[in-house]
Protein backbone atom coordinates (compact mmCIF):
# COMPACT_ATOMS: atom_id res chain seq x y z
CA MET A 1 -17.92 33.81 -6.03
CA SER A 2 -16.14 34.80 -2.81
CA LEU A 3 -19.34 36.04 -1.16
CA GLU A 4 -21.09 32.86 -2.28
CA PHE A 5 -18.33 30.84 -0.62
CA VAL A 6 -18.75 32.75 2.65
CA GLY A 7 -22.48 32.05 2.48
CA ALA A 8 -21.83 28.36 1.86
CA ALA A 9 -19.47 28.27 4.85
CA VAL A 10 -22.18 29.78 7.06
CA THR A 11 -24.66 27.18 5.78
CA PHE A 12 -22.18 24.40 6.47
CA ARG A 13 -21.74 25.56 10.06
CA GLY A 14 -25.50 25.37 10.44
CA LEU A 15 -25.49 21.78 9.21
CA VAL A 16 -22.72 20.93 11.68
CA ARG A 17 -24.83 22.28 14.55
CA GLU A 18 -27.72 20.03 13.52
CA MET A 19 -25.63 16.85 13.55
CA ASP A 20 -26.42 14.52 16.48
CA VAL A 21 -23.54 12.08 16.81
CA GLY A 22 -25.35 10.38 19.69
CA VAL A 23 -27.69 8.60 17.27
CA MET A 24 -25.09 7.82 14.59
CA GLU A 25 -23.77 4.34 13.92
CA ALA A 26 -20.18 3.88 14.96
CA LYS A 27 -19.03 3.25 11.37
CA LEU A 28 -20.63 6.51 10.26
CA CYS A 29 -18.91 8.33 13.13
CA VAL A 30 -15.57 7.09 11.83
CA LEU A 31 -16.33 8.46 8.36
CA VAL A 32 -17.52 11.79 9.76
CA ALA A 33 -14.43 12.16 11.96
CA GLU A 34 -12.06 11.37 9.07
CA GLU A 35 -13.80 13.72 6.63
CA MET A 36 -14.04 16.51 9.19
CA ALA A 37 -10.29 16.13 9.80
CA ARG A 38 -9.67 16.72 6.09
CA VAL A 39 -12.10 19.64 6.03
CA GLU A 40 -10.45 21.11 9.11
CA LYS A 41 -7.01 20.96 7.47
CA ALA A 42 -8.29 22.49 4.26
CA CYS A 43 -10.10 25.26 6.15
CA ALA A 44 -6.99 26.00 8.24
CA ALA A 45 -4.92 26.47 5.09
CA LEU A 46 -7.52 28.75 3.50
CA ARG A 47 -7.90 30.72 6.73
CA ALA A 48 -4.12 31.24 6.94
CA MET A 49 -3.85 32.42 3.33
CA ALA A 50 -6.85 34.75 3.71
CA ALA A 51 -5.42 36.13 6.95
CA ALA A 52 -2.04 36.71 5.29
CA ARG A 53 -3.73 38.61 2.46
CA ALA A 54 -5.82 40.67 4.92
CA ALA A 55 -2.70 41.47 6.97
CA TYR A 56 -0.79 42.52 3.86
CA CYS A 57 -3.58 44.91 2.89
CA GLY A 58 -4.00 46.23 6.46
CA ALA A 59 -7.64 45.12 6.60
CA HIS A 60 -7.29 44.10 10.27
CA ARG A 61 -7.34 47.80 11.19
CA GLU A 62 -10.93 48.00 9.98
CA ARG A 63 -11.75 45.55 12.79
CA GLY A 64 -10.11 47.82 15.36
CA PHE A 65 -6.79 45.93 15.74
CA ASN A 66 -3.35 47.45 15.40
CA SER A 67 -1.67 44.13 14.63
CA PRO A 68 -2.86 41.27 12.40
CA GLU A 69 -1.68 38.76 15.02
CA ASP A 70 -4.05 40.18 17.66
CA TRP A 71 -6.92 40.20 15.17
CA LEU A 72 -6.43 36.58 14.06
CA ALA A 73 -5.79 35.35 17.60
CA GLY A 74 -9.12 36.83 18.66
CA ALA A 75 -10.95 35.41 15.65
CA SER A 76 -9.48 31.91 15.92
CA GLY A 77 -9.21 31.63 19.70
CA SER A 78 -5.48 30.91 19.47
CA THR A 79 -2.44 32.56 21.01
CA ARG A 80 -0.77 35.57 19.45
CA SER A 81 2.36 33.57 18.63
CA GLN A 82 0.30 30.87 16.91
CA ALA A 83 -1.61 33.49 14.92
CA LYS A 84 1.67 35.07 13.80
CA SER A 85 2.97 31.67 12.69
CA ASP A 86 -0.26 30.95 10.78
CA ILE A 87 -0.06 34.25 8.92
CA GLN A 88 3.56 33.59 7.96
CA THR A 89 2.67 30.11 6.70
CA GLY A 90 -0.30 31.44 4.75
CA SER A 91 1.97 33.95 3.05
CA ARG A 92 4.53 31.29 2.14
CA LEU A 93 1.93 28.93 0.67
CA GLU A 94 1.33 31.30 -2.24
CA ASP A 95 4.89 30.56 -3.41
CA LEU A 96 4.56 26.79 -2.92
CA PRO A 97 1.84 25.57 -5.33
CA GLU A 98 2.36 21.87 -4.61
CA THR A 99 2.14 22.36 -0.84
CA LYS A 100 -0.77 24.77 -1.24
CA ASP A 101 -2.73 22.26 -3.31
CA ALA A 102 -2.07 19.41 -0.84
CA ALA A 103 -3.14 21.60 2.09
CA LEU A 104 -6.36 22.76 0.38
CA GLN A 105 -7.12 19.12 -0.48
CA GLY A 106 -6.95 18.33 3.23
CA ASP A 107 -3.86 16.14 2.83
CA LEU A 108 -1.63 18.37 4.98
CA SER A 109 -2.23 20.14 8.27
CA LEU A 110 -1.17 23.76 8.62
CA GLY A 111 1.64 22.62 10.92
CA GLN A 112 2.91 20.19 8.28
CA ALA A 113 2.69 22.91 5.64
CA GLU A 114 4.68 25.22 7.91
CA GLU A 115 7.44 22.61 8.27
CA ILE A 116 7.57 22.07 4.50
CA ALA A 117 7.62 25.81 3.79
CA ARG A 118 10.41 26.43 6.28
CA THR A 119 12.52 23.62 4.84
CA GLU A 120 11.93 24.71 1.24
CA LYS A 121 13.02 28.25 2.15
CA GLU A 122 16.30 27.07 3.65
CA LYS A 123 16.81 24.07 1.33
CA PRO A 124 15.34 24.94 -2.09
CA GLY A 125 14.11 21.93 -4.04
CA SER A 126 13.02 19.92 -1.00
CA GLU A 127 9.26 20.59 -1.29
CA SER A 128 8.25 17.41 -3.14
CA GLU A 129 10.35 15.17 -0.89
CA MET A 130 8.91 16.76 2.24
CA ILE A 131 5.31 16.40 1.00
CA LYS A 132 5.92 12.72 0.32
CA THR A 133 7.34 12.32 3.84
CA ALA A 134 4.38 14.16 5.37
CA LYS A 135 1.86 11.80 3.76
CA SER A 136 3.57 8.66 5.05
CA SER A 137 5.03 9.70 8.42
CA THR A 138 4.12 11.19 11.77
CA ARG A 139 4.46 14.90 12.51
CA GLN A 140 7.61 14.25 14.54
CA GLN A 141 9.17 12.23 11.73
CA LEU A 142 8.42 15.07 9.30
CA ALA A 143 10.06 17.55 11.67
CA ASP A 144 13.13 15.30 11.96
CA ALA A 145 13.37 14.98 8.17
CA GLY A 146 13.10 18.75 7.76
CA ARG A 147 15.75 19.39 10.40
CA LYS A 148 18.18 17.01 8.72
CA LEU A 149 17.67 18.61 5.31
CA ARG A 150 18.10 22.14 6.70
CA GLN A 151 21.28 21.22 8.55
CA GLU A 152 22.98 19.56 5.58
CA GLY A 153 26.20 21.40 4.77
CA VAL A 154 25.65 24.00 7.51
CA ASP A 155 28.80 25.33 9.16
CA ARG A 156 28.93 23.60 12.56
CA LYS A 157 30.26 26.60 14.46
CA GLU A 158 27.60 28.91 13.00
CA LEU A 159 24.92 26.33 13.79
CA ALA A 160 26.08 26.12 17.40
CA LYS A 161 26.02 29.93 17.74
CA ASP A 162 22.53 30.11 16.26
CA GLN A 163 21.22 27.34 18.53
CA HIS A 164 22.79 28.97 21.59
CA ALA A 165 21.11 32.28 20.74
CA LYS A 166 17.70 30.56 20.55
CA ARG A 167 17.87 28.95 24.01
CA GLY A 168 15.12 29.86 26.44
CA VAL A 169 12.72 28.79 29.21
CA ARG A 170 9.08 29.72 29.75
CA SER A 171 6.71 28.87 32.59
CA TRP A 172 3.02 29.44 33.25
CA ILE A 173 0.10 28.22 35.39
CA ASP A 174 -2.58 26.18 33.63
CA GLY A 175 -6.31 25.86 34.35
CA ASP A 176 -5.69 23.21 37.02
CA GLY A 177 -3.22 25.41 38.87
CA MET A 178 -0.30 23.28 37.69
CA ILE A 179 3.06 24.88 36.98
CA CYS A 180 3.87 24.22 33.32
CA GLY A 181 7.02 24.93 31.39
CA GLN A 182 8.80 24.84 28.08
CA PHE A 183 12.54 24.86 27.48
CA ARG A 184 14.82 25.12 24.46
CA PHE A 185 18.47 24.04 24.81
CA GLU A 186 21.21 23.53 22.26
CA PRO A 187 21.96 19.79 21.79
CA VAL A 188 25.14 19.73 23.89
CA VAL A 189 23.02 20.81 26.87
CA GLY A 190 19.60 19.39 26.02
CA VAL A 191 20.56 15.84 24.99
CA PRO A 192 22.40 15.03 28.27
CA LEU A 193 19.52 16.53 30.24
CA ALA A 194 16.89 14.52 28.34
CA THR A 195 18.96 11.33 28.57
CA ARG A 196 19.29 11.60 32.34
CA LEU A 197 15.60 12.44 32.70
CA VAL A 198 14.48 9.40 30.66
CA ALA A 199 16.85 7.06 32.52
CA GLU A 200 15.62 8.28 35.91
CA ALA A 201 11.98 8.16 34.79
CA ASP A 202 12.42 4.56 33.61
CA ARG A 203 13.97 3.58 36.95
CA ILE A 204 11.19 5.21 39.00
CA HIS A 205 8.49 3.76 36.73
CA ARG A 206 9.82 0.18 37.01
CA GLU A 207 10.08 0.42 40.77
CA ALA A 208 6.59 1.90 41.04
CA ARG A 209 5.13 -0.87 38.86
CA ARG A 210 6.72 -3.51 41.07
CA ASN A 211 5.01 -1.86 44.04
CA GLY A 212 1.61 -1.98 42.33
CA SER A 213 1.39 1.57 40.99
CA THR A 214 -0.81 2.21 37.96
CA GLU A 215 0.41 5.77 37.34
CA SER A 216 1.69 6.67 33.89
CA TRP A 217 5.30 6.94 32.78
CA GLU A 218 4.72 10.67 32.24
CA ALA A 219 3.74 11.09 35.90
CA HIS A 220 6.90 9.32 37.00
CA ALA A 221 8.92 11.45 34.55
CA ALA A 222 7.68 14.48 36.50
CA ASP A 223 8.95 12.83 39.70
CA ALA A 224 12.26 12.18 37.96
CA LEU A 225 12.62 15.83 36.95
CA ALA A 226 11.90 16.92 40.50
CA ALA A 227 14.53 14.43 41.74
CA MET A 228 17.09 15.77 39.27
CA MET A 229 16.46 19.27 40.59
CA GLY A 230 17.09 18.04 44.13
CA GLU A 231 13.50 18.33 45.39
CA GLY A 232 12.93 16.22 48.48
CA GLY A 233 16.61 15.42 48.80
CA ALA A 234 16.40 12.73 46.11
CA LYS A 235 19.43 12.05 43.94
CA PRO A 236 19.05 10.58 40.46
CA HIS A 237 20.82 7.33 39.65
CA ARG A 238 23.29 7.73 36.81
CA THR A 239 22.89 4.47 34.91
CA LYS A 240 24.02 5.38 31.41
CA ALA A 241 26.04 7.95 29.52
CA ASP A 242 24.62 11.47 29.49
CA VAL A 243 25.39 11.90 25.81
CA VAL A 244 26.66 9.82 22.90
CA PHE A 245 28.71 11.40 20.13
CA VAL A 246 29.25 9.72 16.77
CA VAL A 247 32.48 10.94 15.21
CA ASP A 248 34.31 10.02 12.03
CA LEU A 249 37.74 9.02 13.28
CA ARG A 250 39.53 10.87 10.48
CA THR A 251 37.68 14.08 11.30
CA PHE A 252 38.42 13.77 15.00
CA ARG A 253 42.13 13.21 14.46
CA THR A 254 42.84 15.68 11.67
CA GLY A 255 39.88 18.05 11.47
CA GLU A 256 39.66 17.29 7.76
CA HIS A 257 37.09 15.37 5.69
CA PRO A 258 34.34 18.05 5.76
CA GLU A 259 31.95 15.67 3.98
CA THR A 260 31.67 13.64 7.17
CA VAL A 261 29.42 14.66 10.03
CA SER A 262 30.10 14.52 13.76
CA HIS A 263 26.86 14.56 15.68
CA ILE A 264 25.11 13.94 18.96
CA VAL A 265 22.78 10.95 18.82
CA GLY A 266 19.31 12.46 18.91
CA GLY A 267 20.59 16.02 18.64
CA GLY A 268 22.07 16.68 15.21
CA PRO A 269 25.49 17.78 13.92
CA VAL A 270 28.17 19.35 16.11
CA ASP A 271 31.69 20.67 15.70
CA PRO A 272 34.28 17.93 16.52
CA GLU A 273 35.97 20.50 18.78
CA VAL A 274 32.91 20.31 21.03
CA VAL A 275 33.56 16.59 21.49
CA ARG A 276 37.17 17.24 22.46
CA GLU A 277 36.14 19.91 24.95
CA MET A 278 33.33 17.93 26.59
CA ALA A 279 35.49 14.81 26.81
CA LYS A 280 37.56 16.56 29.49
CA ASP A 281 34.92 16.30 32.21
CA ALA A 282 31.57 14.99 30.86
CA PHE A 283 30.15 11.54 31.45
CA LEU A 284 29.76 10.54 27.81
CA LYS A 285 30.37 7.90 25.17
CA VAL A 286 32.10 8.58 21.89
CA VAL A 287 31.54 6.08 19.08
CA PHE A 288 34.18 6.34 16.38
CA HIS A 289 33.55 4.89 12.96
CA ASP A 290 35.35 4.82 9.64
CA GLY A 291 32.62 3.27 7.48
CA VAL A 292 32.98 -0.21 9.00
CA ASN A 293 29.74 -1.97 9.93
CA ILE A 294 28.68 -2.54 13.51
CA HIS A 295 29.59 -6.05 14.68
CA THR A 296 26.88 -8.01 16.39
CA VAL A 297 27.22 -9.32 19.91
CA ALA A 298 24.73 -12.18 20.19
CA HIS A 299 23.66 -14.50 23.00
CA LEU A 300 20.63 -16.38 24.27
CA GLY A 301 18.25 -14.70 26.71
CA ARG A 302 16.67 -11.27 26.94
CA TYR A 303 19.44 -9.34 28.72
CA ILE A 304 21.13 -6.77 26.45
CA PRO A 305 24.85 -6.26 27.25
CA ALA A 306 26.11 -2.68 27.59
CA GLU A 307 28.15 -2.82 24.38
CA LEU A 308 25.19 -4.08 22.34
CA ARG A 309 22.85 -1.54 23.93
CA THR A 310 25.19 1.30 22.94
CA ALA A 311 25.27 0.06 19.34
CA LEU A 312 21.48 -0.31 19.23
CA GLU A 313 20.80 3.13 20.68
CA LEU A 314 22.86 4.81 17.99
CA GLY A 315 20.07 4.12 15.51
CA ASP A 316 20.41 2.79 11.98
CA PRO A 317 23.62 3.42 10.01
CA PRO A 318 24.85 5.52 8.36
CA GLU A 319 22.81 8.32 10.00
CA PHE A 320 23.20 7.07 13.62
CA ASP A 321 20.49 9.55 14.67
CA GLY A 322 19.13 7.68 17.68
CA ILE A 323 16.13 5.38 17.98
CA THR A 324 12.42 5.93 17.53
CA CYS A 325 9.47 3.55 17.75
CA SER A 326 9.37 1.58 14.50
CA GLY A 327 5.57 1.68 14.67
CA CYS A 328 4.62 5.27 15.48
CA GLY A 329 7.87 7.25 15.62
CA LYS A 330 7.71 8.06 19.34
CA LYS A 331 11.14 8.85 20.82
CA PHE A 332 10.67 8.22 24.55
CA ASN A 333 9.61 5.37 26.81
CA LEU A 334 10.77 2.75 24.31
CA GLN A 335 11.31 -1.00 24.67
CA TRP A 336 13.39 -3.48 22.68
CA ASP A 337 11.29 -6.00 20.79
CA HIS A 338 12.82 -9.28 19.62
CA LEU A 339 11.81 -9.64 15.96
CA ASP A 340 12.45 -13.38 16.15
CA PRO A 341 11.07 -14.18 19.63
CA VAL A 342 13.28 -15.49 22.41
CA CYS A 343 10.71 -18.19 23.19
CA ALA A 344 11.23 -19.46 19.66
CA GLY A 345 15.02 -19.43 19.88
CA GLY A 346 15.63 -15.87 18.70
CA LEU A 347 18.92 -14.24 19.66
CA THR A 348 19.50 -11.02 21.53
CA SER A 349 21.54 -9.48 18.72
CA TYR A 350 21.89 -6.28 16.73
CA ASP A 351 19.86 -7.62 13.81
CA ASN A 352 17.08 -9.04 15.98
CA GLU A 353 16.26 -6.00 18.16
CA ASP A 354 13.62 -3.46 17.13
CA PRO A 355 12.65 -0.34 19.15
CA LYS A 356 8.97 0.03 20.01
CA CYS A 357 6.92 2.10 22.44
CA TRP A 358 4.86 0.17 25.00
CA GLU A 359 1.61 0.56 23.04
CA CYS A 360 3.04 -0.63 19.69
CA HIS A 361 4.94 -3.46 21.40
CA ALA A 362 1.80 -4.69 23.19
CA LYS A 363 -0.29 -4.43 20.01
CA LYS A 364 2.25 -6.43 18.00
CA CYS A 365 2.50 -9.15 20.66
CA ASP A 366 -1.28 -9.48 20.87
CA GLU A 367 -1.57 -9.82 17.09
CA GLU A 368 1.18 -12.44 16.91
CA ARG A 369 -0.22 -14.39 19.84
CA ALA A 370 -3.63 -14.48 18.15
CA ALA A 371 -1.97 -15.64 14.94
CA GLY A 372 -0.28 -18.53 16.75
CA LEU A 373 3.26 -17.33 16.05
CA TYR A 374 4.59 -18.12 19.52
CA LYS A 375 5.25 -21.78 18.84
CA PRO A 376 8.71 -22.72 20.15
CA LYS A 377 11.40 -23.67 17.65
CA PRO A 378 14.66 -25.57 18.13
CA LYS A 379 17.30 -23.31 19.60
CA PRO A 380 19.83 -22.26 16.93
CA ASP A 381 23.59 -22.60 16.99
CA PHE A 382 24.54 -18.96 17.54
CA SER A 383 28.31 -19.36 17.64
CA SER A 384 28.59 -18.23 14.03
CA SER A 385 26.58 -15.08 14.78
CA VAL A 386 29.22 -13.57 17.05
CA GLY A 387 31.09 -11.02 15.01
CA HIS A 388 28.43 -10.96 12.29
CA GLN A 389 28.31 -7.63 10.50
CA GLY A 390 24.83 -6.17 10.42
CA GLN A 391 23.56 -2.93 8.99
CA THR A 392 19.92 -3.88 8.62
CA ARG A 393 17.26 -5.02 11.06
CA THR A 394 15.72 -7.55 8.65
CA PRO A 395 15.16 -10.80 10.57
CA ALA A 396 15.88 -14.19 9.10
CA SER A 397 12.44 -15.37 10.17
CA SER A 398 9.05 -13.79 9.53
CA SER A 399 7.95 -14.73 13.04
CA ARG A 400 8.00 -11.73 15.37
CA SER A 401 7.47 -11.35 19.08
CA GLY A 402 8.59 -9.50 22.13
């Protein structure tokens, strides 16, 4: 049966070579692309499990390789580190029948399976929940869910030590001669750095747009990073807090209540002692809470006051884990969309603001404009909204607009 499968795989590759997408109808191309994506995911899972079995038996030596990572990297055209990760995932899949089945069905990518396997190893019993998340969320959202599950109940001091030990920076030159890099920082270092970078990139991007530039936000983010490093004598504008901590007031005062979590917005849990230490000289915001809802500050117009912006950027309670695009899960280059449009009398309030990336925001506005939802309404009496307690983002009206 195994040799027959190998023969069938060779035949399939021959069929793929004969396909001429240039003469296909567009609708057929969509079907082919979707099915090939499922086939690709299924094949990746099978390849990883076969490679893990071959590595376990030492069969890679018969191909002239001392390490299974070098053998698989050569066979798959990937890096050695990626090959090592694939072999580890393939080995873990044998102990995760539900994940294995979903991957071989083409419902999970190998990267998703790796995230599920890692989380199940550190948080037994999470496999089914993670698979469900993978099928309905983006890869980043799955990674965030896995991180939260793995960090539940973890000793904060031990977590900080482990994260500090894993810090690192790599750089290389790509095919265009560009200097590329990758960094890994613990949250107390990385979150302030990322916050300043995004704020500076937003400022440069807005100014460039006003001057007629059509360059991307990512290009201007590169300029922002160079400015932060002092290249060209530029100095970044500090327009917002470097880091926001969310701390249970009881924990901060007494050090007790271990069931509560102190964390950096967008960075995960931290030891409350870290907050005390950084408060001595860092430019930061600390949001204390004791289970009381966030109170809405509402007014007419699009401008978002500083206090309201801080509350919005915490993310949804009770997690307060920062904001992501409500459409695609992207974390950077976000805008605030008025669920009930300002042109129709909607308020700038906690309940009426929804984070979206530029693409999702533009798509939503185009759809609503085509549906005729931008018809002005009488302006509401918003005096009763000041001080309103809001934990949800569910608008009173079904009409939505930026």
